[in-house]
PDB file of N, CA and C in Angstrom:
ATOM      1  N   MET A   1       1.351  -1.242  14.858  1.00  0.00           N
ATOM      2  CA  MET A   1       2.672  -0.701  14.278  1.00  0.00           C
ATOM      3  C   MET A   1       3.410  -1.828  13.606  1.00  0.00           C
ATOM      4  N   LYS A   2       4.071  -1.621  12.359  1.00  0.00           N
ATOM      5  CA  LYS A   2       4.893  -2.353  12.127  1.00  0.00           C
ATOM      6  C   LYS A   2       5.780  -1.689  11.107  1.00  0.00           C
ATOM      7  N   VAL A   3       7.355  -2.255  11.336  1.00  0.00           N
ATOM      8  CA  VAL A   3       8.356  -1.449  10.781  1.00  0.00           C
ATOM      9  C   VAL A   3       8.980  -2.972  10.325  1.00  0.00           C
ATOM     10  N   ARG A   4       9.725  -2.322   9.044  1.00  0.00           N
ATOM     11  CA  ARG A   4      10.257  -3.181   8.574  1.00  0.00           C
ATOM     12  C   ARG A   4      11.591  -2.743   7.609  1.00  0.00           C
ATOM     13  N   SER A   5      12.164  -3.398   7.312  1.00  0.00           N
ATOM     14  CA  SER A   5      13.529  -3.096   6.438  1.00  0.00           C
ATOM     15  C   SER A   5      13.794  -4.576   5.606  1.00  0.00           C
ATOM     16  N   SER A   6      14.504  -4.233   4.971  1.00  0.00           N
ATOM     17  CA  SER A   6      15.576  -5.555   4.131  1.00  0.00           C
ATOM     18  C   SER A   6      17.110  -5.169   4.212  1.00  0.00           C
ATOM     19  N   VAL A   7      17.414  -6.677   3.884  1.00  0.00           N
ATOM     20  CA  VAL A   7      18.930  -6.785   3.987  1.00  0.00           C
ATOM     21  C   VAL A   7      19.196  -7.541   2.788  1.00  0.00           C
ATOM     22  N   ARG A   8      20.092  -8.133   2.383  1.00  0.00           N
ATOM     23  CA  ARG A   8      20.540  -8.572   1.145  1.00  0.00           C
ATOM     24  C   ARG A   8      20.886  -9.964   1.459  1.00  0.00           C
ATOM     25  N   ARG A   9      20.263 -10.719   0.534  1.00  0.00           N
ATOM     26  CA  ARG A   9      20.338 -12.257   0.776  1.00  0.00           C
ATOM     27  C   ARG A   9      21.529 -13.061   0.538  1.00  0.00           C
ATOM     28  N   ILE A  10      22.154 -14.007   1.117  1.00  0.00           N
ATOM     29  CA  ILE A  10      23.570 -14.461   0.530  1.00  0.00           C
ATOM     30  C   ILE A  10      22.740 -15.194  -0.983  1.00  0.00           C
ATOM     31  N   CYS A  11      23.815 -15.418  -1.498  1.00  0.00           N
ATOM     32  CA  CYS A  11      23.875 -15.756  -2.943  1.00  0.00           C
ATOM     33  C   CYS A  11      23.652 -17.255  -2.969  1.00  0.00           C
ATOM     34  N   GLU A  12      22.762 -18.095  -3.474  1.00  0.00           N
ATOM     35  CA  GLU A  12      22.805 -19.481  -3.042  1.00  0.00           C
ATOM     36  C   GLU A  12      23.690 -20.287  -4.228  1.00  0.00           C
ATOM     37  N   ASN A  13      23.884 -19.831  -5.162  1.00  0.00           N
ATOM     38  CA  ASN A  13      24.748 -20.530  -5.933  1.00  0.00           C
ATOM     39  C   ASN A  13      26.404 -20.235  -5.356  1.00  0.00           C
ATOM     40  N   CYS A  14      26.730 -19.319  -4.961  1.00  0.00           N
ATOM     41  CA  CYS A  14      28.206 -19.412  -3.893  1.00  0.00           C
ATOM     42  C   CYS A  14      28.486 -19.538  -2.432  1.00  0.00           C
ATOM     43  N   LYS A  15      26.902 -19.988  -1.764  1.00  0.00           N
ATOM     44  CA  LYS A  15      27.040 -19.678  -0.293  1.00  0.00           C
ATOM     45  C   LYS A  15      27.837 -20.628   0.267  1.00  0.00           C
ATOM     46  N   GLN A  16      28.613 -20.636   1.084  1.00  0.00           N
ATOM     47  CA  GLN A  16      29.818 -21.665   2.150  1.00  0.00           C
ATOM     48  C   GLN A  16      29.765 -21.019   3.403  1.00  0.00           C
ATOM     49  N   PRO A  17      30.053 -22.337   3.686  1.00  0.00           N
ATOM     50  CA  PRO A  17      30.452 -21.993   5.325  1.00  0.00           C
ATOM     51  C   PRO A  17      30.708 -21.062   5.988  1.00  0.00           C
ATOM     52  N   MET A  18      31.089 -20.074   6.862  1.00  0.00           N
ATOM     53  CA  MET A  18      32.130 -19.291   7.502  1.00  0.00           C
ATOM     54  C   MET A  18      32.778 -19.540   8.297  1.00  0.00           C
ATOM     55  N   GLU A  19      34.217 -19.708   8.011  1.00  0.00           N
ATOM     56  CA  GLU A  19      35.338 -19.699   8.864  1.00  0.00           C
ATOM     57  C   GLU A  19      36.109 -18.345   9.621  1.00  0.00           C
ATOM     58  N   ASN A  20      36.272 -18.931  10.405  1.00  0.00           N
ATOM     59  CA  ASN A  20      37.233 -18.270  11.466  1.00  0.00           C
ATOM     60  C   ASN A  20      36.397 -16.912  12.131  1.00  0.00           C
ATOM     61  N   ILE A  21      35.028 -17.415  13.110  1.00  0.00           N
ATOM     62  CA  ILE A  21      34.129 -16.695  13.286  1.00  0.00           C
ATOM     63  C   ILE A  21      34.987 -15.943  14.589  1.00  0.00           C
ATOM     64  N   LYS A  22      34.774 -14.672  14.866  1.00  0.00           N
ATOM     65  CA  LYS A  22      35.724 -13.801  16.161  1.00  0.00           C
ATOM     66  C   LYS A  22      34.690 -14.620  17.452  1.00  0.00           C
ATOM     67  N   ASP A  23      35.325 -14.611  18.746  1.00  0.00           N
ATOM     68  CA  ASP A  23      34.706 -15.350  19.615  1.00  0.00           C
ATOM     69  C   ASP A  23      33.326 -14.175  20.041  1.00  0.00           C
ATOM     70  N   ASN A  24      33.698 -13.076  20.143  1.00  0.00           N
ATOM     71  CA  ASN A  24      32.857 -11.739  20.699  1.00  0.00           C
ATOM     72  C   ASN A  24      31.262 -12.270  19.567  1.00  0.00           C
ATOM     73  N   VAL A  25      32.087 -12.501  18.482  1.00  0.00           N
ATOM     74  CA  VAL A  25      30.710 -12.272  17.568  1.00  0.00           C
ATOM     75  C   VAL A  25      29.716 -14.068  18.214  1.00  0.00           C
ATOM     76  N   ALA A  26      30.603 -15.034  18.201  1.00  0.00           N
ATOM     77  CA  ALA A  26      30.185 -16.120  18.285  1.00  0.00           C
ATOM     78  C   ALA A  26      29.495 -16.097  19.566  1.00  0.00           C
ATOM     79  N   LYS A  27      29.393 -15.509  20.681  1.00  0.00           N
ATOM     80  CA  LYS A  27      28.712 -15.347  22.216  1.00  0.00           C
ATOM     81  C   LYS A  27      27.699 -14.563  21.884  1.00  0.00           C
ATOM     82  N   TYR A  28      27.869 -13.667  20.621  1.00  0.00           N
ATOM     83  CA  TYR A  28      26.626 -12.813  20.794  1.00  0.00           C
ATOM     84  C   TYR A  28      25.773 -13.643  19.701  1.00  0.00           C
ATOM     85  N   LEU A  29      26.007 -14.293  18.740  1.00  0.00           N
ATOM     86  CA  LEU A  29      25.053 -14.868  18.307  1.00  0.00           C
ATOM     87  C   LEU A  29      24.135 -16.245  19.163  1.00  0.00           C
ATOM     88  N   GLU A  30      25.038 -16.667  19.700  1.00  0.00           N
ATOM     89  CA  GLU A  30      24.526 -17.785  20.534  1.00  0.00           C
ATOM     90  C   GLU A  30      23.794 -17.677  21.289  1.00  0.00           C
ATOM     91  N   LYS A  31      23.495 -15.931  21.953  1.00  0.00           N
ATOM     92  CA  LYS A  31      22.859 -15.261  22.753  1.00  0.00           C
ATOM     93  C   LYS A  31      21.282 -15.455  22.128  1.00  0.00           C
ATOM     94  N   TYR A  32      21.436 -15.746  20.435  1.00  0.00           N
ATOM     95  CA  TYR A  32      20.411 -15.580  19.522  1.00  0.00           C
ATOM     96  C   TYR A  32      19.634 -17.026  19.275  1.00  0.00           C
ATOM     97  N   GLY A  33      20.362 -17.960  19.541  1.00  0.00           N
ATOM     98  CA  GLY A  33      20.186 -19.429  19.169  1.00  0.00           C
ATOM     99  C   GLY A  33      20.931 -19.675  17.689  1.00  0.00           C
ATOM    100  N   ALA A  34      21.639 -18.687  17.327  1.00  0.00           N
ATOM    101  CA  ALA A  34      22.205 -19.210  16.073  1.00  0.00           C
ATOM    102  C   ALA A  34      23.591 -19.864  16.333  1.00  0.00           C
ATOM    103  N   ASP A  35      23.890 -20.848  15.919  1.00  0.00           N
ATOM    104  CA  ASP A  35      25.038 -22.107  16.190  1.00  0.00           C
ATOM    105  C   ASP A  35      26.632 -21.182  15.247  1.00  0.00           C
ATOM    106  N   PRO A  36      27.254 -20.225  15.610  1.00  0.00           N
ATOM    107  CA  PRO A  36      28.354 -19.908  14.982  1.00  0.00           C
ATOM    108  C   PRO A  36      28.991 -20.950  13.795  1.00  0.00           C
ATOM    109  N   GLY A  37      28.685 -22.217  13.722  1.00  0.00           N
ATOM    110  CA  GLY A  37      29.370 -23.036  13.388  1.00  0.00           C
ATOM    111  C   GLY A  37      28.882 -23.687  12.138  1.00  0.00           C
ATOM    112  N   SER A  38      27.337 -22.759  12.154  1.00  0.00           N
ATOM    113  CA  SER A  38      26.603 -23.089  10.937  1.00  0.00           C
ATOM    114  C   SER A  38      26.384 -21.847  10.027  1.00  0.00           C
ATOM    115  N   LEU A  39      27.269 -20.734  10.108  1.00  0.00           N
ATOM    116  CA  LEU A  39      26.818 -19.284   9.280  1.00  0.00           C
ATOM    117  C   LEU A  39      27.555 -19.503   8.364  1.00  0.00           C
ATOM    118  N   TYR A  40      27.049 -18.691   7.154  1.00  0.00           N
ATOM    119  CA  TYR A  40      27.318 -19.082   6.069  1.00  0.00           C
ATOM    120  C   TYR A  40      27.521 -17.776   5.365  1.00  0.00           C
ATOM    121  N   GLN A  41      28.176 -17.400   4.081  1.00  0.00           N
ATOM    122  CA  GLN A  41      28.561 -16.423   3.589  1.00  0.00           C
ATOM    123  C   GLN A  41      28.807 -16.544   2.145  1.00  0.00           C
ATOM    124  N   GLY A  42      28.468 -15.639   0.984  1.00  0.00           N
ATOM    125  CA  GLY A  42      28.590 -15.719  -0.441  1.00  0.00           C
ATOM    126  C   GLY A  42      30.181 -15.505  -0.412  1.00  0.00           C
ATOM    127  N   THR A  43      30.568 -16.128  -1.565  1.00  0.00           N
ATOM    128  CA  THR A  43      32.079 -15.874  -1.816  1.00  0.00           C
ATOM    129  C   THR A  43      32.190 -15.177  -3.041  1.00  0.00           C
ATOM    130  N   GLY A  44      31.040 -15.250  -3.933  1.00  0.00           N
ATOM    131  CA  GLY A  44      30.907 -14.313  -5.134  1.00  0.00           C
ATOM    132  C   GLY A  44      31.173 -15.337  -6.300  1.00  0.00           C
ATOM    133  N   CYS A  45      29.958 -15.082  -6.904  1.00  0.00           N
ATOM    134  CA  CYS A  45      30.324 -15.501  -8.225  1.00  0.00           C
ATOM    135  C   CYS A  45      29.556 -14.655  -9.646  1.00  0.00           C
ATOM    136  N   ASP A  46      29.527 -15.430 -10.682  1.00  0.00           N
ATOM    137  CA  ASP A  46      29.203 -14.832 -11.839  1.00  0.00           C
ATOM    138  C   ASP A  46      27.221 -14.320 -11.570  1.00  0.00           C
ATOM    139  N   LYS A  47      26.777 -15.276 -10.764  1.00  0.00           N
ATOM    140  CA  LYS A  47      25.105 -14.941 -10.828  1.00  0.00           C
ATOM    141  C   LYS A  47      25.138 -13.576  -9.711  1.00  0.00           C
ATOM    142  N   CYS A  48      25.933 -13.461  -8.578  1.00  0.00           N
ATOM    143  CA  CYS A  48      25.594 -12.449  -7.787  1.00  0.00           C
ATOM    144  C   CYS A  48      26.682 -11.190  -8.087  1.00  0.00           C
ATOM    145  N   ARG A  49      27.479 -11.486  -9.375  1.00  0.00           N
ATOM    146  CA  ARG A  49      28.455 -10.330  -9.627  1.00  0.00           C
ATOM    147  C   ARG A  49      29.220 -10.002  -8.562  1.00  0.00           C
ATOM    148  N   GLN A  50      29.862 -11.479  -8.117  1.00  0.00           N
ATOM    149  CA  GLN A  50      31.072 -11.422  -7.304  1.00  0.00           C
ATOM    150  C   GLN A  50      30.787 -10.209  -5.829  1.00  0.00           C
ATOM    151  N   THR A  51      29.782 -10.186  -5.505  1.00  0.00           N
ATOM    152  CA  THR A  51      29.099  -9.763  -4.445  1.00  0.00           C
ATOM    153  C   THR A  51      29.163 -10.555  -3.198  1.00  0.00           C
ATOM    154  N   GLY A  52      28.660 -11.958  -3.931  1.00  0.00           N
ATOM    155  CA  GLY A  52      28.255 -13.008  -2.365  1.00  0.00           C
ATOM    156  C   GLY A  52      26.680 -12.656  -2.261  1.00  0.00           C
ATOM    157  N   TYR A  53      26.305 -11.578  -2.507  1.00  0.00           N
ATOM    158  CA  TYR A  53      24.680 -11.530  -2.054  1.00  0.00           C
ATOM    159  C   TYR A  53      23.517 -11.431  -3.378  1.00  0.00           C
ATOM    160  N   LYS A  54      22.452 -11.972  -3.400  1.00  0.00           N
ATOM    161  CA  LYS A  54      21.938 -11.790  -4.325  1.00  0.00           C
ATOM    162  C   LYS A  54      20.004 -12.095  -4.251  1.00  0.00           C
ATOM    163  N   GLY A  55      19.671 -10.980  -4.212  1.00  0.00           N
ATOM    164  CA  GLY A  55      17.914 -10.448  -3.660  1.00  0.00           C
ATOM    165  C   GLY A  55      18.300 -10.154  -2.210  1.00  0.00           C
ATOM    166  N   ARG A  56      17.147  -9.879  -1.915  1.00  0.00           N
ATOM    167  CA  ARG A  56      16.853  -9.475  -0.407  1.00  0.00           C
ATOM    168  C   ARG A  56      15.749  -9.911   0.270  1.00  0.00           C
ATOM    169  N   ILE A  57      15.597  -9.749   1.816  1.00  0.00           N
ATOM    170  CA  ILE A  57      14.888 -10.684   2.255  1.00  0.00           C
ATOM    171  C   ILE A  57      14.750  -9.565   3.528  1.00  0.00           C
ATOM    172  N   GLY A  58      13.164  -9.525   3.965  1.00  0.00           N
ATOM    173  CA  GLY A  58      12.541  -8.524   4.836  1.00  0.00           C
ATOM    174  C   GLY A  58      12.808  -8.595   6.245  1.00  0.00           C
ATOM    175  N   LEU A  59      13.061  -7.702   7.049  1.00  0.00           N
ATOM    176  CA  LEU A  59      13.258  -7.925   8.431  1.00  0.00           C
ATOM    177  C   LEU A  59      12.052  -6.851   9.001  1.00  0.00           C
ATOM    178  N   TYR A  60      11.152  -7.604   9.643  1.00  0.00           N
ATOM    179  CA  TYR A  60      10.106  -7.031  10.521  1.00  0.00           C
ATOM    180  C   TYR A  60      10.150  -6.823  11.660  1.00  0.00           C
ATOM    181  N   GLU A  61       9.604  -5.745  12.422  1.00  0.00           N
ATOM    182  CA  GLU A  61       9.434  -5.376  13.941  1.00  0.00           C
ATOM    183  C   GLU A  61       7.706  -5.071  13.845  1.00  0.00           C
ATOM    184  N   ILE A  62       7.163  -6.045  14.691  1.00  0.00           N
ATOM    185  CA  ILE A  62       5.330  -5.665  14.792  1.00  0.00           C
ATOM    186  C   ILE A  62       5.408  -5.634  16.076  1.00  0.00           C
ATOM    187  N   LEU A  63       4.387  -4.404  16.559  1.00  0.00           N
ATOM    188  CA  LEU A  63       4.068  -4.030  17.638  1.00  0.00           C
ATOM    189  C   LEU A  63       2.742  -4.281  17.497  1.00  0.00           C
ATOM    190  N   GLU A  64       2.001  -5.103  18.574  1.00  0.00           N
ATOM    191  CA  GLU A  64       0.467  -5.187  18.484  1.00  0.00           C
ATOM    192  C   GLU A  64      -0.058  -4.067  20.323  1.00  0.00           C
ATOM    193  N   VAL A  65      -0.358  -2.752  19.605  1.00  0.00           N
ATOM    194  CA  VAL A  65      -0.880  -2.126  20.783  1.00  0.00           C
ATOM    195  C   VAL A  65      -1.826  -2.438  21.730  1.00  0.00           C
ATOM    196  N   GLU A  66      -1.537  -3.272  22.906  1.00  0.00           N
ATOM    197  CA  GLU A  66      -2.434  -3.466  23.965  1.00  0.00           C
ATOM    198  C   GLU A  66      -2.831  -2.090  24.960  1.00  0.00           C
ATOM    199  N   GLU A  67      -3.499  -2.340  25.555  1.00  0.00           N
ATOM    200  CA  GLU A  67      -4.428  -1.780  26.622  1.00  0.00           C
ATOM    201  C   GLU A  67      -3.087  -1.086  27.330  1.00  0.00           C
ATOM    202  N   GLU A  68      -2.440  -1.798  27.989  1.00  0.00           N
ATOM    203  CA  GLU A  68      -1.651  -1.388  29.233  1.00  0.00           C
ATOM    204  C   GLU A  68      -0.392   0.075  28.253  1.00  0.00           C
ATOM    205  N   LEU A  69       0.121  -0.552  26.948  1.00  0.00           N
ATOM    206  CA  LEU A  69       1.000   0.492  26.359  1.00  0.00           C
ATOM    207  C   LEU A  69       0.278   1.643  25.707  1.00  0.00           C
ATOM    208  N   ARG A  70      -0.683   1.510  25.376  1.00  0.00           N
ATOM    209  CA  ARG A  70      -1.856   2.404  25.444  1.00  0.00           C
ATOM    210  C   ARG A  70      -1.976   3.471  26.182  1.00  0.00           C
ATOM    211  N   ASP A  71      -2.271   2.819  27.390  1.00  0.00           N
ATOM    212  CA  ASP A  71      -1.953   4.105  28.403  1.00  0.00           C
ATOM    213  C   ASP A  71      -0.749   4.548  28.791  1.00  0.00           C
ATOM    214  N   MET A  72       0.443   3.965  28.587  1.00  0.00           N
ATOM    215  CA  MET A  72       1.615   4.631  28.815  1.00  0.00           C
ATOM    216  C   MET A  72       1.887   5.297  27.497  1.00  0.00           C
ATOM    217  N   ILE A  73       1.341   5.093  26.560  1.00  0.00           N
ATOM    218  CA  ILE A  73       1.745   5.970  25.530  1.00  0.00           C
ATOM    219  C   ILE A  73       0.928   7.667  25.554  1.00  0.00           C
ATOM    220  N   THR A  74      -0.042   7.459  26.303  1.00  0.00           N
ATOM    221  CA  THR A  74      -1.220   9.139  26.739  1.00  0.00           C
ATOM    222  C   THR A  74      -0.518   9.831  28.131  1.00  0.00           C
ATOM    223  N   ARG A  75       0.901   8.930  28.668  1.00  0.00           N
ATOM    224  CA  ARG A  75       1.510   9.667  29.554  1.00  0.00           C
ATOM    225  C   ARG A  75       2.631  10.170  29.105  1.00  0.00           C
ATOM    226  N   SER A  76       2.964  10.421  27.935  1.00  0.00           N
ATOM    227  CA  SER A  76       4.268  10.934  27.223  1.00  0.00           C
ATOM    228  C   SER A  76       5.635  10.216  27.967  1.00  0.00           C
ATOM    229  N   PRO A  77       5.408   9.277  27.298  1.00  0.00           N
ATOM    230  CA  PRO A  77       7.037   8.474  28.135  1.00  0.00           C
ATOM    231  C   PRO A  77       7.930   8.975  27.370  1.00  0.00           C
ATOM    232  N   THR A  78       9.222   8.645  27.526  1.00  0.00           N
ATOM    233  CA  THR A  78      10.486   8.755  26.873  1.00  0.00           C
ATOM    234  C   THR A  78      10.581   7.630  25.631  1.00  0.00           C
ATOM    235  N   LEU A  79      11.354   7.493  25.097  1.00  0.00           N
ATOM    236  CA  LEU A  79      11.736   6.701  23.621  1.00  0.00           C
ATOM    237  C   LEU A  79      12.445   5.582  24.476  1.00  0.00           C
ATOM    238  N   VAL A  80      13.074   5.662  25.517  1.00  0.00           N
ATOM    239  CA  VAL A  80      13.754   4.406  26.291  1.00  0.00           C
ATOM    240  C   VAL A  80      13.058   3.430  26.932  1.00  0.00           C
ATOM    241  N   GLU A  81      11.770   4.585  27.599  1.00  0.00           N
ATOM    242  CA  GLU A  81      10.545   3.635  28.488  1.00  0.00           C
ATOM    243  C   GLU A  81       9.638   2.612  27.441  1.00  0.00           C
ATOM    244  N   VAL A  82       9.688   3.578  26.537  1.00  0.00           N
ATOM    245  CA  VAL A  82       8.689   2.764  25.257  1.00  0.00           C
ATOM    246  C   VAL A  82       9.253   1.427  24.725  1.00  0.00           C
ATOM    247  N   ARG A  83      10.631   1.442  24.232  1.00  0.00           N
ATOM    248  CA  ARG A  83      11.335   0.723  23.992  1.00  0.00           C
ATOM    249  C   ARG A  83      11.483  -0.804  24.753  1.00  0.00           C
ATOM    250  N   LYS A  84      11.967  -0.074  26.342  1.00  0.00           N
ATOM    251  CA  LYS A  84      11.949  -1.167  27.599  1.00  0.00           C
ATOM    252  C   LYS A  84      10.316  -2.068  27.496  1.00  0.00           C
ATOM    253  N   ALA A  85       9.338  -1.064  27.498  1.00  0.00           N
ATOM    254  CA  ALA A  85       8.110  -1.685  27.606  1.00  0.00           C
ATOM    255  C   ALA A  85       7.902  -2.578  26.626  1.00  0.00           C
ATOM    256  N   VAL A  86       7.896  -2.245  25.154  1.00  0.00           N
ATOM    257  CA  VAL A  86       7.491  -3.287  24.110  1.00  0.00           C
ATOM    258  C   VAL A  86       8.559  -4.568  23.923  1.00  0.00           C
ATOM    259  N   VAL A  87       9.782  -4.160  24.490  1.00  0.00           N
ATOM    260  CA  VAL A  87      10.571  -5.189  24.464  1.00  0.00           C
ATOM    261  C   VAL A  87      10.236  -6.286  25.946  1.00  0.00           C
ATOM    262  N   ASP A  88       9.709  -5.899  26.862  1.00  0.00           N
ATOM    263  CA  ASP A  88       9.606  -6.741  28.021  1.00  0.00           C
ATOM    264  C   ASP A  88       8.114  -7.283  27.608  1.00  0.00           C
ATOM    265  N   ALA A  89       6.926  -6.825  26.648  1.00  0.00           N
ATOM    266  CA  ALA A  89       6.302  -7.438  26.347  1.00  0.00           C
ATOM    267  C   ALA A  89       6.244  -8.545  25.318  1.00  0.00           C
ATOM    268  N   GLY A  90       7.431  -8.534  24.751  1.00  0.00           N
ATOM    269  CA  GLY A  90       7.465  -9.377  23.936  1.00  0.00           C
ATOM    270  C   GLY A  90       8.146  -9.660  22.673  1.00  0.00           C
ATOM    271  N   MET A  91       8.101  -8.086  22.064  1.00  0.00           N
ATOM    272  CA  MET A  91       8.260  -7.650  21.004  1.00  0.00           C
ATOM    273  C   MET A  91       9.713  -8.012  20.247  1.00  0.00           C
ATOM    274  N   GLN A  92       9.653  -8.622  19.315  1.00  0.00           N
ATOM    275  CA  GLN A  92      10.951  -9.006  18.652  1.00  0.00           C
ATOM    276  C   GLN A  92      11.345  -7.686  17.779  1.00  0.00           C
ATOM    277  N   THR A  93      12.685  -7.087  17.972  1.00  0.00           N
ATOM    278  CA  THR A  93      13.369  -5.878  17.209  1.00  0.00           C
ATOM    279  C   THR A  93      13.889  -6.817  15.712  1.00  0.00           C
ATOM    280  N   LEU A  94      13.733  -5.434  14.864  1.00  0.00           N
ATOM    281  CA  LEU A  94      14.278  -5.529  13.478  1.00  0.00           C
ATOM    282  C   LEU A  94      15.774  -7.045  13.598  1.00  0.00           C
ATOM    283  N   ARG A  95      16.491  -6.028  14.913  1.00  0.00           N
ATOM    284  CA  ARG A  95      17.848  -6.683  14.788  1.00  0.00           C
ATOM    285  C   ARG A  95      17.818  -8.332  15.282  1.00  0.00           C
ATOM    286  N   GLU A  96      16.757  -8.765  16.173  1.00  0.00           N
ATOM    287  CA  GLU A  96      16.494 -10.196  16.438  1.00  0.00           C
ATOM    288  C   GLU A  96      15.897 -11.117  15.441  1.00  0.00           C
ATOM    289  N   ASP A  97      14.944 -10.344  14.668  1.00  0.00           N
ATOM    290  CA  ASP A  97      14.297 -10.914  13.510  1.00  0.00           C
ATOM    291  C   ASP A  97      15.742 -11.261  12.601  1.00  0.00           C
ATOM    292  N   GLY A  98      16.636 -10.401  12.377  1.00  0.00           N
ATOM    293  CA  GLY A  98      17.595 -10.635  11.615  1.00  0.00           C
ATOM    294  C   GLY A  98      18.471 -11.444  11.707  1.00  0.00           C
ATOM    295  N   LEU A  99      19.034 -11.377  13.260  1.00  0.00           N
ATOM    296  CA  LEU A  99      19.331 -12.830  13.631  1.00  0.00           C
ATOM    297  C   LEU A  99      18.977 -13.937  13.606  1.00  0.00           C
ATOM    298  N   LEU A 100      17.505 -14.157  13.877  1.00  0.00           N
ATOM    299  CA  LEU A 100      17.197 -15.314  13.229  1.00  0.00           C
ATOM    300  C   LEU A 100      17.375 -15.493  11.839  1.00  0.00           C
ATOM    301  N   LYS A 101      17.571 -14.850  11.176  1.00  0.00           N
ATOM    302  CA  LYS A 101      17.552 -14.958   9.306  1.00  0.00           C
ATOM    303  C   LYS A 101      18.987 -15.570   9.288  1.00  0.00           C
ATOM    304  N   VAL A 102      19.934 -15.027  10.306  1.00  0.00           N
ATOM    305  CA  VAL A 102      21.584 -15.480  10.198  1.00  0.00           C
ATOM    306  C   VAL A 102      21.440 -16.651  10.810  1.00  0.00           C
ATOM    307  N   ALA A 103      20.849 -16.721  11.578  1.00  0.00           N
ATOM    308  CA  ALA A 103      20.903 -18.664  12.161  1.00  0.00           C
ATOM    309  C   ALA A 103      20.111 -19.731  11.141  1.00  0.00           C
ATOM    310  N   ASP A 104      19.185 -19.267   9.960  1.00  0.00           N
ATOM    311  CA  ASP A 104      18.648 -19.897   9.330  1.00  0.00           C
ATOM    312  C   ASP A 104      19.338 -19.923   8.154  1.00  0.00           C
ATOM    313  N   GLY A 105      20.719 -19.636   7.850  1.00  0.00           N
ATOM    314  CA  GLY A 105      21.520 -19.403   6.686  1.00  0.00           C
ATOM    315  C   GLY A 105      20.961 -18.504   5.434  1.00  0.00           C
ATOM    316  N   LEU A 106      20.327 -17.371   5.856  1.00  0.00           N
ATOM    317  CA  LEU A 106      19.658 -16.286   4.885  1.00  0.00           C
ATOM    318  C   LEU A 106      20.509 -15.486   4.062  1.00  0.00           C
ATOM    319  N   THR A 107      21.020 -15.000   5.584  1.00  0.00           N
ATOM    320  CA  THR A 107      21.901 -13.575   5.431  1.00  0.00           C
ATOM    321  C   THR A 107      23.070 -13.558   6.229  1.00  0.00           C
ATOM    322  N   THR A 108      23.401 -12.511   6.384  1.00  0.00           N
ATOM    323  CA  THR A 108      25.203 -12.267   7.325  1.00  0.00           C
ATOM    324  C   THR A 108      24.687 -11.748   8.616  1.00  0.00           C
ATOM    325  N   ILE A 109      25.678 -11.803   9.396  1.00  0.00           N
ATOM    326  CA  ILE A 109      25.675 -10.881  10.718  1.00  0.00           C
ATOM    327  C   ILE A 109      26.351  -9.700  10.003  1.00  0.00           C
ATOM    328  N   GLU A 110      27.089  -9.473   9.265  1.00  0.00           N
ATOM    329  CA  GLU A 110      27.572  -8.006   8.961  1.00  0.00           C
ATOM    330  C   GLU A 110      26.492  -7.292   8.093  1.00  0.00           C
ATOM    331  N   GLU A 111      25.355  -7.925   7.520  1.00  0.00           N
ATOM    332  CA  GLU A 111      24.494  -7.261   6.883  1.00  0.00           C
ATOM    333  C   GLU A 111      23.672  -6.752   7.915  1.00  0.00           C
ATOM    334  N   ILE A 112      23.107  -7.791   8.652  1.00  0.00           N
ATOM    335  CA  ILE A 112      22.104  -7.139   9.816  1.00  0.00           C
ATOM    336  C   ILE A 112      23.005  -5.996  10.715  1.00  0.00           C
ATOM    337  N   MET A 113      24.003  -6.140  11.114  1.00  0.00           N
ATOM    338  CA  MET A 113      24.912  -5.086  11.997  1.00  0.00           C
ATOM    339  C   MET A 113      24.281  -3.955  11.130  1.00  0.00           C
ATOM    340  N   ARG A 114      24.966  -4.121  10.017  1.00  0.00           N
ATOM    341  CA  ARG A 114      24.495  -2.554   8.932  1.00  0.00           C
ATOM    342  C   ARG A 114      23.439  -2.267   9.032  1.00  0.00           C
ATOM    343  N   VAL A 115      22.293  -2.884   8.759  1.00  0.00           N
ATOM    344  CA  VAL A 115      21.173  -2.224   8.773  1.00  0.00           C
ATOM    345  C   VAL A 115      20.433  -1.826   9.955  1.00  0.00           C
ATOM    346  N   THR A 116      21.013  -2.550  10.932  1.00  0.00           N
ATOM    347  CA  THR A 116      20.062  -2.466  12.564  1.00  0.00           C
ATOM    348  C   THR A 116      20.939  -1.453  12.987  1.00  0.00           C
ATOM    349  N   GLU A 117      21.914  -0.771  12.828  1.00  0.00           N
ATOM    350  CA  GLU A 117      22.882   0.085  13.268  1.00  0.00           C
ATOM    351  C   GLU A 117      21.809   1.324  14.051  1.00  0.00           C
ATOM    352  N   THR A 118      22.087   1.362  15.625  1.00  0.00           N
ATOM    353  CA  THR A 118      21.273   1.993  16.201  1.00  0.00           C
ATOM    354  C   THR A 118      22.410   3.403  16.840  1.00  0.00           C
TER     355      THR A 118
END
């Protein structure tokens, strides 16, 4: 099973380091390996129509259904039980994939939170 979404990519022409990151956001990002001191944002330019974003990048959540999970599904588990089982099995969520892209300077935390809001 594959789930995908996309977020706006930071414009490379006006990309600047992000300043004044809130402490709670910094702690959240550090949990996923993102250095809050190396976050970026687009400031807006003619190439991105003053939005700070140009283009899109995909977020992916891929689940390989193994025998244990297949057995669990046949027992009609709740959504919470399935979510816990697949995350425990090592599935990377859309939000986690997005946070890795934030850490790589490809998009912003605001974009990830907007798209992966639950």
